[in-house]
Amino acid sequence: MVFRRVLAPQGAGPETVSFAVGGRYRVAVAVWSGAGSERAGLKAFSPEWVELELEA
């Protein structure tokens, strides 16, 4: 997967996270697979936080 967005959005609201190169962030991931008959609330997800580290 590739996620693309600016690190620190301008005019960010209170729910918007700003990222920094070298920063570490805890994230969770949920993925739906239509071929696997996953839909609505049926999905695969990370049961624990996953650490994301941003490199330059």
PDB file of N, CA and C in Angstrom:
ATOM      1  N   MET A   1       0.814  -1.169   0.000  1.00  0.00           N
ATOM      2  CA  MET A   1       0.000   0.000   0.000  1.00  0.00           C
ATOM      3  C   MET A   1       0.867   1.246   0.000  1.00  0.00           C
ATOM      4  N   VAL A   2       0.350   2.270  -0.603  1.00  0.00           N
ATOM      5  CA  VAL A   2       1.013   3.567  -0.588  1.00  0.00           C
ATOM      6  C   VAL A   2      -0.016   4.599  -0.141  1.00  0.00           C
ATOM      7  N   PHE A   3       0.328   5.307   0.908  1.00  0.00           N
ATOM      8  CA  PHE A   3      -0.493   6.415   1.368  1.00  0.00           C
ATOM      9  C   PHE A   3       0.265   7.691   1.046  1.00  0.00           C
ATOM     10  N   ARG A   4      -0.442   8.657   0.531  1.00  0.00           N
ATOM     11  CA  ARG A   4       0.225   9.904   0.176  1.00  0.00           C
ATOM     12  C   ARG A   4      -0.591  11.080   0.684  1.00  0.00           C
ATOM     13  N   ARG A   5       0.098  11.975   1.397  1.00  0.00           N
ATOM     14  CA  ARG A   5      -0.510  13.213   1.869  1.00  0.00           C
ATOM     15  C   ARG A   5       0.604  14.130   2.341  1.00  0.00           C
ATOM     16  N   VAL A   6       0.308  15.406   2.529  1.00  0.00           N
ATOM     17  CA  VAL A   6       1.309  16.332   3.049  1.00  0.00           C
ATOM     18  C   VAL A   6       1.541  16.004   4.525  1.00  0.00           C
ATOM     19  N   LEU A   7       2.747  16.276   5.016  1.00  0.00           N
ATOM     20  CA  LEU A   7       3.063  15.945   6.404  1.00  0.00           C
ATOM     21  C   LEU A   7       2.313  16.820   7.395  1.00  0.00           C
ATOM     22  N   ALA A   8       2.240  18.107   7.116  1.00  0.00           N
ATOM     23  CA  ALA A   8       1.567  19.039   8.024  1.00  0.00           C
ATOM     24  C   ALA A   8       0.595  19.893   7.207  1.00  0.00           C
ATOM     25  N   PRO A   9      -0.660  19.465   7.097  1.00  0.00           N
ATOM     26  CA  PRO A   9      -1.628  20.209   6.291  1.00  0.00           C
ATOM     27  C   PRO A   9      -1.862  21.618   6.828  1.00  0.00           C
ATOM     28  N   GLN A  10      -2.030  22.566   5.924  1.00  0.00           N
ATOM     29  CA  GLN A  10      -2.345  23.939   6.317  1.00  0.00           C
ATOM     30  C   GLN A  10      -3.814  24.010   6.697  1.00  0.00           C
ATOM     31  N   GLY A  11      -4.118  24.799   7.706  1.00  0.00           N
ATOM     32  CA  GLY A  11      -5.501  24.960   8.127  1.00  0.00           C
ATOM     33  C   GLY A  11      -6.082  23.697   8.738  1.00  0.00           C
ATOM     34  N   ALA A  12      -5.225  22.872   9.335  1.00  0.00           N
ATOM     35  CA  ALA A  12      -5.672  21.601   9.907  1.00  0.00           C
ATOM     36  C   ALA A  12      -6.595  21.836  11.095  1.00  0.00           C
ATOM     37  N   GLY A  13      -7.599  20.996  11.215  1.00  0.00           N
ATOM     38  CA  GLY A  13      -8.534  21.069  12.326  1.00  0.00           C
ATOM     39  C   GLY A  13      -8.022  20.298  13.529  1.00  0.00           C
ATOM     40  N   PRO A  14      -8.791  20.260  14.606  1.00  0.00           N
ATOM     41  CA  PRO A  14      -8.343  19.604  15.841  1.00  0.00           C
ATOM     42  C   PRO A  14      -8.174  18.082  15.701  1.00  0.00           C
ATOM     43  N   GLU A  15      -8.825  17.457  14.733  1.00  0.00           N
ATOM     44  CA  GLU A  15      -8.698  16.009  14.541  1.00  0.00           C
ATOM     45  C   GLU A  15      -7.604  15.635  13.545  1.00  0.00           C
ATOM     46  N   THR A  16      -6.934  16.613  12.954  1.00  0.00           N
ATOM     47  CA  THR A  16      -5.917  16.355  11.941  1.00  0.00           C
ATOM     48  C   THR A  16      -4.556  16.154  12.596  1.00  0.00           C
ATOM     49  N   VAL A  17      -3.872  15.093  12.193  1.00  0.00           N
ATOM     50  CA  VAL A  17      -2.540  14.803  12.724  1.00  0.00           C
ATOM     51  C   VAL A  17      -1.486  15.358  11.779  1.00  0.00           C
ATOM     52  N   SER A  18      -0.518  16.057  12.334  1.00  0.00           N
ATOM     53  CA  SER A  18       0.628  16.517  11.559  1.00  0.00           C
ATOM     54  C   SER A  18       1.776  15.551  11.811  1.00  0.00           C
ATOM     55  N   PHE A  19       2.454  15.157  10.743  1.00  0.00           N
ATOM     56  CA  PHE A  19       3.572  14.234  10.835  1.00  0.00           C
ATOM     57  C   PHE A  19       4.882  14.982  10.649  1.00  0.00           C
ATOM     58  N   ALA A  20       5.986  14.387  11.102  1.00  0.00           N
ATOM     59  CA  ALA A  20       7.320  14.961  10.918  1.00  0.00           C
ATOM     60  C   ALA A  20       8.277  13.846  10.532  1.00  0.00           C
ATOM     61  N   VAL A  21       9.212  14.153   9.634  1.00  0.00           N
ATOM     62  CA  VAL A  21      10.231  13.183   9.247  1.00  0.00           C
ATOM     63  C   VAL A  21      11.005  12.779  10.499  1.00  0.00           C
ATOM     64  N   GLY A  22      11.208  11.491  10.689  1.00  0.00           N
ATOM     65  CA  GLY A  22      11.889  10.975  11.873  1.00  0.00           C
ATOM     66  C   GLY A  22      10.938  10.679  13.020  1.00  0.00           C
ATOM     67  N   GLY A  23       9.676  11.090  12.868  1.00  0.00           N
ATOM     68  CA  GLY A  23       8.685  10.846  13.918  1.00  0.00           C
ATOM     69  C   GLY A  23       8.199   9.407  13.917  1.00  0.00           C
ATOM     70  N   ARG A  24       7.726   8.971  15.068  1.00  0.00           N
ATOM     71  CA  ARG A  24       7.131   7.633  15.206  1.00  0.00           C
ATOM     72  C   ARG A  24       5.682   7.807  15.660  1.00  0.00           C
ATOM     73  N   TYR A  25       4.794   7.061  15.033  1.00  0.00           N
ATOM     74  CA  TYR A  25       3.371   7.196  15.292  1.00  0.00           C
ATOM     75  C   TYR A  25       2.743   5.820  15.404  1.00  0.00           C
ATOM     76  N   ARG A  26       1.785   5.680  16.308  1.00  0.00           N
ATOM     77  CA  ARG A  26       1.064   4.417  16.444  1.00  0.00           C
ATOM     78  C   ARG A  26      -0.185   4.497  15.575  1.00  0.00           C
ATOM     79  N   VAL A  27      -0.370   3.485  14.727  1.00  0.00           N
ATOM     80  CA  VAL A  27      -1.510   3.456  13.814  1.00  0.00           C
ATOM     81  C   VAL A  27      -2.169   2.084  13.862  1.00  0.00           C
ATOM     82  N   ALA A  28      -3.388   2.022  13.416  1.00  0.00           N
ATOM     83  CA  ALA A  28      -4.106   0.764  13.238  1.00  0.00           C
ATOM     84  C   ALA A  28      -4.570   0.712  11.793  1.00  0.00           C
ATOM     85  N   VAL A  29      -4.714  -0.483  11.249  1.00  0.00           N
ATOM     86  CA  VAL A  29      -5.068  -0.651   9.843  1.00  0.00           C
ATOM     87  C   VAL A  29      -6.254  -1.594   9.720  1.00  0.00           C
ATOM     88  N   ALA A  30      -7.205  -1.232   8.878  1.00  0.00           N
ATOM     89  CA  ALA A  30      -8.332  -2.108   8.544  1.00  0.00           C
ATOM     90  C   ALA A  30      -8.405  -2.206   7.028  1.00  0.00           C
ATOM     91  N   VAL A  31      -8.618  -3.424   6.515  1.00  0.00           N
ATOM     92  CA  VAL A  31      -8.629  -3.655   5.072  1.00  0.00           C
ATOM     93  C   VAL A  31      -9.820  -4.535   4.714  1.00  0.00           C
ATOM     94  N   TRP A  32     -10.537  -4.129   3.681  1.00  0.00           N
ATOM     95  CA  TRP A  32     -11.641  -4.917   3.174  1.00  0.00           C
ATOM     96  C   TRP A  32     -11.199  -5.626   1.901  1.00  0.00           C
ATOM     97  N   SER A  33     -11.558  -6.887   1.762  1.00  0.00           N
ATOM     98  CA  SER A  33     -11.270  -7.651   0.550  1.00  0.00           C
ATOM     99  C   SER A  33     -12.595  -8.143  -0.034  1.00  0.00           C
ATOM    100  N   GLY A  34     -13.021  -7.487  -1.092  1.00  0.00           N
ATOM    101  CA  GLY A  34     -14.271  -7.901  -1.736  1.00  0.00           C
ATOM    102  C   GLY A  34     -14.206  -9.319  -2.258  1.00  0.00           C
ATOM    103  N   ALA A  35     -13.036  -9.744  -2.747  1.00  0.00           N
ATOM    104  CA  ALA A  35     -12.876 -11.118  -3.248  1.00  0.00           C
ATOM    105  C   ALA A  35     -13.019 -12.131  -2.123  1.00  0.00           C
ATOM    106  N   GLY A  36     -12.758 -11.701  -0.875  1.00  0.00           N
ATOM    107  CA  GLY A  36     -12.892 -12.583   0.281  1.00  0.00           C
ATOM    108  C   GLY A  36     -14.257 -12.441   0.944  1.00  0.00           C
ATOM    109  N   SER A  37     -15.222 -11.867   0.233  1.00  0.00           N
ATOM    110  CA  SER A  37     -16.590 -11.638   0.730  1.00  0.00           C
ATOM    111  C   SER A  37     -16.629 -10.747   1.965  1.00  0.00           C
ATOM    112  N   GLU A  38     -15.627  -9.887   2.132  1.00  0.00           N
ATOM    113  CA  GLU A  38     -15.644  -8.954   3.248  1.00  0.00           C
ATOM    114  C   GLU A  38     -16.407  -7.707   2.827  1.00  0.00           C
ATOM    115  N   ARG A  39     -17.302  -7.250   3.678  1.00  0.00           N
ATOM    116  CA  ARG A  39     -18.102  -6.074   3.399  1.00  0.00           C
ATOM    117  C   ARG A  39     -18.598  -5.498   4.711  1.00  0.00           C
ATOM    118  N   ALA A  40     -19.046  -4.275   4.665  1.00  0.00           N
ATOM    119  CA  ALA A  40     -19.572  -3.582   5.851  1.00  0.00           C
ATOM    120  C   ALA A  40     -18.582  -3.726   7.007  1.00  0.00           C
ATOM    121  N   GLY A  41     -19.002  -4.363   8.103  1.00  0.00           N
ATOM    122  CA  GLY A  41     -18.129  -4.516   9.265  1.00  0.00           C
ATOM    123  C   GLY A  41     -17.222  -5.731   9.209  1.00  0.00           C
ATOM    124  N   LEU A  42     -17.338  -6.545   8.152  1.00  0.00           N
ATOM    125  CA  LEU A  42     -16.493  -7.731   8.011  1.00  0.00           C
ATOM    126  C   LEU A  42     -15.201  -7.335   7.318  1.00  0.00           C
ATOM    127  N   LYS A  43     -14.089  -7.409   8.040  1.00  0.00           N
ATOM    128  CA  LYS A  43     -12.817  -6.968   7.476  1.00  0.00           C
ATOM    129  C   LYS A  43     -11.663  -7.564   8.263  1.00  0.00           C
ATOM    130  N   ALA A  44     -10.485  -7.453   7.693  1.00  0.00           N
ATOM    131  CA  ALA A  44      -9.269  -7.822   8.406  1.00  0.00           C
ATOM    132  C   ALA A  44      -8.715  -6.555   9.040  1.00  0.00           C
ATOM    133  N   PHE A  45      -8.153  -6.651  10.242  1.00  0.00           N
ATOM    134  CA  PHE A  45      -7.614  -5.477  10.910  1.00  0.00           C
ATOM    135  C   PHE A  45      -6.422  -5.854  11.781  1.00  0.00           C
ATOM    136  N   SER A  46      -5.620  -4.870  12.105  1.00  0.00           N
ATOM    137  CA  SER A  46      -4.478  -5.100  12.988  1.00  0.00           C
ATOM    138  C   SER A  46      -5.003  -5.128  14.426  1.00  0.00           C
ATOM    139  N   PRO A  47      -4.791  -6.228  15.140  1.00  0.00           N
ATOM    140  CA  PRO A  47      -5.340  -6.325  16.502  1.00  0.00           C
ATOM    141  C   PRO A  47      -4.593  -5.455  17.511  1.00  0.00           C
ATOM    142  N   GLU A  48      -3.408  -4.980  17.159  1.00  0.00           N
ATOM    143  CA  GLU A  48      -2.621  -4.120  18.035  1.00  0.00           C
ATOM    144  C   GLU A  48      -2.186  -2.893  17.250  1.00  0.00           C
ATOM    145  N   TRP A  49      -1.722  -1.884  17.962  1.00  0.00           N
ATOM    146  CA  TRP A  49      -1.149  -0.718  17.304  1.00  0.00           C
ATOM    147  C   TRP A  49       0.100  -1.152  16.532  1.00  0.00           C
ATOM    148  N   VAL A  50       0.312  -0.548  15.361  1.00  0.00           N
ATOM    149  CA  VAL A  50       1.488  -0.793  14.537  1.00  0.00           C
ATOM    150  C   VAL A  50       2.295   0.502  14.540  1.00  0.00           C
ATOM    151  N   GLU A  51       3.612   0.392  14.736  1.00  0.00           N
ATOM    152  CA  GLU A  51       4.424   1.609  14.768  1.00  0.00           C
ATOM    153  C   GLU A  51       4.818   2.018  13.359  1.00  0.00           C
ATOM    154  N   LEU A  52       4.564   3.263  13.041  1.00  0.00           N
ATOM    155  CA  LEU A  52       4.928   3.848  11.750  1.00  0.00           C
ATOM    156  C   LEU A  52       6.052   4.847  11.997  1.00  0.00           C
ATOM    157  N   GLU A  53       7.178   4.659  11.325  1.00  0.00           N
ATOM    158  CA  GLU A  53       8.290   5.591  11.447  1.00  0.00           C
ATOM    159  C   GLU A  53       8.535   6.226  10.082  1.00  0.00           C
ATOM    160  N   LEU A  54       8.534   7.550  10.034  1.00  0.00           N
ATOM    161  CA  LEU A  54       8.714   8.258   8.774  1.00  0.00           C
ATOM    162  C   LEU A  54      10.187   8.553   8.534  1.00  0.00           C
ATOM    163  N   GLU A  55      10.682   8.113   7.378  1.00  0.00           N
ATOM    164  CA  GLU A  55      12.063   8.353   7.011  1.00  0.00           C
ATOM    165  C   GLU A  55      12.116   9.355   5.868  1.00  0.00           C
ATOM    166  N   ALA A  56      13.219  10.059   5.758  1.00  0.00           N
ATOM    167  CA  ALA A  56      13.396  11.040   4.688  1.00  0.00           C
ATOM    168  C   ALA A  56      13.609  10.354   3.362  1.00  0.00           C
TER     169      ALA A  56
END
